[in-house]
Amino acid sequence: MDKDIHKAVNALRTALQPGHSGSVMVVLDGIGALSVQDGVVSTGPCQADCTLTASTQTFRALLLGTLSPERAYLTGALRIDGSFAAAMTFGRHLT
């Protein structure tokens, strides 16, 4: 499981464009949590403006751009707790 969370961290670091501010926690079902605070990605939970929860398949599709954050949310594949504005800002900073 540790290997999977580190793969997810590296994938997010690659996909995240410079300039993201604020804090987001990404919870991957069965894997664990990632934290993004002012553009810095790390493992583990954090006090965040919003929490995004998804499967690893959904997370991968979001990072690859084959699934939009809006579609993921509307179909129930992505759950957002907290600030929707923070979630939208985070989504705009993914490549």
C-alpha atoms as a PDB file:
ATOM      1  CA  MET A   1       0.000   0.000   0.000  1.00  0.00           C
ATOM      2  CA  ASP A   2       2.866   2.427   0.748  1.00  0.00           C
ATOM      3  CA  LYS A   3       4.172   1.861  -2.770  1.00  0.00           C
ATOM      4  CA  ASP A   4       0.758   2.762  -4.221  1.00  0.00           C
ATOM      5  CA  ILE A   5       0.457   5.991  -2.229  1.00  0.00           C
ATOM      6  CA  HIS A   6       3.932   7.090  -3.322  1.00  0.00           C
ATOM      7  CA  LYS A   7       3.026   6.364  -6.942  1.00  0.00           C
ATOM      8  CA  ALA A   8      -0.064   8.527  -6.508  1.00  0.00           C
ATOM      9  CA  VAL A   9       2.002  11.343  -4.963  1.00  0.00           C
ATOM     10  CA  ASN A  10       4.467  11.251  -7.876  1.00  0.00           C
ATOM     11  CA  ALA A  11       1.651  11.210 -10.428  1.00  0.00           C
ATOM     12  CA  LEU A  12       0.002  14.206  -8.772  1.00  0.00           C
ATOM     13  CA  ARG A  13       3.289  16.105  -8.582  1.00  0.00           C
ATOM     14  CA  THR A  14       3.702  15.568 -12.329  1.00  0.00           C
ATOM     15  CA  ALA A  15       0.136  16.623 -13.163  1.00  0.00           C
ATOM     16  CA  LEU A  16      -0.112  19.645 -10.854  1.00  0.00           C
ATOM     17  CA  GLN A  17       0.715  22.898 -12.620  1.00  0.00           C
ATOM     18  CA  PRO A  18       2.637  25.620 -10.792  1.00  0.00           C
ATOM     19  CA  GLY A  19       0.675  28.302  -9.004  1.00  0.00           C
ATOM     20  CA  HIS A  20      -1.798  26.263  -6.987  1.00  0.00           C
ATOM     21  CA  SER A  21      -2.532  27.878  -3.647  1.00  0.00           C
ATOM     22  CA  GLY A  22      -4.678  26.647  -0.815  1.00  0.00           C
ATOM     23  CA  SER A  23      -5.010  23.171   0.627  1.00  0.00           C
ATOM     24  CA  VAL A  24      -6.699  20.048  -0.659  1.00  0.00           C
ATOM     25  CA  MET A  25      -6.728  16.529   0.725  1.00  0.00           C
ATOM     26  CA  VAL A  26      -7.228  13.669  -1.732  1.00  0.00           C
ATOM     27  CA  VAL A  27      -8.475  10.405  -0.227  1.00  0.00           C
ATOM     28  CA  LEU A  28      -7.993   7.375  -2.449  1.00  0.00           C
ATOM     29  CA  ASP A  29     -10.254   4.470  -1.529  1.00  0.00           C
ATOM     30  CA  GLY A  30      -8.182   1.603  -0.131  1.00  0.00           C
ATOM     31  CA  ILE A  31      -4.882   3.464  -0.549  1.00  0.00           C
ATOM     32  CA  GLY A  32      -4.728   6.445   1.798  1.00  0.00           C
ATOM     33  CA  ALA A  33      -4.572  10.233   1.719  1.00  0.00           C
ATOM     34  CA  LEU A  34      -2.513  12.801  -0.164  1.00  0.00           C
ATOM     35  CA  SER A  35      -2.153  16.430   0.841  1.00  0.00           C
ATOM     36  CA  VAL A  36      -1.636  19.403  -1.434  1.00  0.00           C
ATOM     37  CA  GLN A  37      -0.747  22.602   0.391  1.00  0.00           C
ATOM     38  CA  ASP A  38       0.205  25.623  -1.718  1.00  0.00           C
ATOM     39  CA  GLY A  39       1.397  23.370  -4.539  1.00  0.00           C
ATOM     40  CA  VAL A  40       3.404  20.981  -2.350  1.00  0.00           C
ATOM     41  CA  VAL A  41       2.215  17.358  -2.553  1.00  0.00           C
ATOM     42  CA  SER A  42       2.861  14.929   0.305  1.00  0.00           C
ATOM     43  CA  THR A  43       1.455  11.755   1.821  1.00  0.00           C
ATOM     44  CA  GLY A  44      -0.978  11.759   4.683  1.00  0.00           C
ATOM     45  CA  PRO A  45      -3.967  13.816   5.716  1.00  0.00           C
ATOM     46  CA  CYS A  46      -3.985  17.548   6.348  1.00  0.00           C
ATOM     47  CA  GLN A  47      -6.304  20.324   7.515  1.00  0.00           C
ATOM     48  CA  ALA A  48      -7.707  21.233   4.104  1.00  0.00           C
ATOM     49  CA  ASP A  49     -10.088  23.666   2.444  1.00  0.00           C
ATOM     50  CA  CYS A  50     -11.700  20.652   0.791  1.00  0.00           C
ATOM     51  CA  THR A  51     -11.411  16.875   0.710  1.00  0.00           C
ATOM     52  CA  LEU A  52     -11.752  14.952  -2.532  1.00  0.00           C
ATOM     53  CA  THR A  53     -12.542  11.238  -2.299  1.00  0.00           C
ATOM     54  CA  ALA A  54     -12.282   8.885  -5.273  1.00  0.00           C
ATOM     55  CA  SER A  55     -11.162   5.459  -6.398  1.00  0.00           C
ATOM     56  CA  THR A  56      -7.674   5.049  -7.799  1.00  0.00           C
ATOM     57  CA  GLN A  57      -9.216   4.517 -11.257  1.00  0.00           C
ATOM     58  CA  THR A  58     -11.076   7.824 -11.074  1.00  0.00           C
ATOM     59  CA  PHE A  59      -7.986   9.608  -9.751  1.00  0.00           C
ATOM     60  CA  ARG A  60      -5.881   8.215 -12.603  1.00  0.00           C
ATOM     61  CA  ALA A  61      -8.490   9.297 -15.185  1.00  0.00           C
ATOM     62  CA  LEU A  62      -8.584  12.808 -13.683  1.00  0.00           C
ATOM     63  CA  LEU A  63      -4.791  13.101 -13.862  1.00  0.00           C
ATOM     64  CA  LEU A  64      -4.689  11.799 -17.432  1.00  0.00           C
ATOM     65  CA  GLY A  65      -7.428  14.190 -18.473  1.00  0.00           C
ATOM     66  CA  THR A  66      -9.714  11.414 -19.720  1.00  0.00           C
ATOM     67  CA  LEU A  67     -12.302  12.369 -17.090  1.00  0.00           C
ATOM     68  CA  SER A  68     -13.191  15.918 -16.134  1.00  0.00           C
ATOM     69  CA  PRO A  69     -13.599  16.786 -12.457  1.00  0.00           C
ATOM     70  CA  GLU A  70     -17.119  18.041 -13.192  1.00  0.00           C
ATOM     71  CA  ARG A  71     -18.180  14.772 -14.825  1.00  0.00           C
ATOM     72  CA  ALA A  72     -16.581  12.745 -12.038  1.00  0.00           C
ATOM     73  CA  TYR A  73     -18.536  14.735  -9.453  1.00  0.00           C
ATOM     74  CA  LEU A  74     -21.839  14.624 -11.327  1.00  0.00           C
ATOM     75  CA  THR A  75     -21.623  10.840 -11.813  1.00  0.00           C
ATOM     76  CA  GLY A  76     -20.722  10.242  -8.168  1.00  0.00           C
ATOM     77  CA  ALA A  77     -17.200   9.020  -8.931  1.00  0.00           C
ATOM     78  CA  LEU A  78     -15.740  11.988  -7.012  1.00  0.00           C
ATOM     79  CA  ARG A  79     -16.979  13.208  -3.644  1.00  0.00           C
ATOM     80  CA  ILE A  80     -16.234  16.743  -2.498  1.00  0.00           C
ATOM     81  CA  ASP A  81     -16.433  17.773   1.150  1.00  0.00           C
ATOM     82  CA  GLY A  82     -15.763  21.379   2.075  1.00  0.00           C
ATOM     83  CA  SER A  83     -15.144  24.262  -0.295  1.00  0.00           C
ATOM     84  CA  PHE A  84     -16.337  23.691  -3.861  1.00  0.00           C
ATOM     85  CA  ALA A  85     -14.351  26.771  -4.901  1.00  0.00           C
ATOM     86  CA  ALA A  86     -11.146  25.161  -3.595  1.00  0.00           C
ATOM     87  CA  ALA A  87     -11.990  21.953  -5.478  1.00  0.00           C
ATOM     88  CA  MET A  88     -12.590  23.875  -8.715  1.00  0.00           C
ATOM     89  CA  THR A  89      -9.322  25.787  -8.330  1.00  0.00           C
ATOM     90  CA  PHE A  90      -7.461  22.538  -7.730  1.00  0.00           C
ATOM     91  CA  GLY A  91      -9.077  20.984 -10.834  1.00  0.00           C
ATOM     92  CA  ARG A  92      -7.954  23.907 -12.990  1.00  0.00           C
ATOM     93  CA  HIS A  93      -4.332  23.303 -11.928  1.00  0.00           C
ATOM     94  CA  LEU A  94      -4.252  19.716 -13.157  1.00  0.00           C
ATOM     95  CA  THR A  95      -2.753  19.173 -16.595  1.00  0.00           C
END
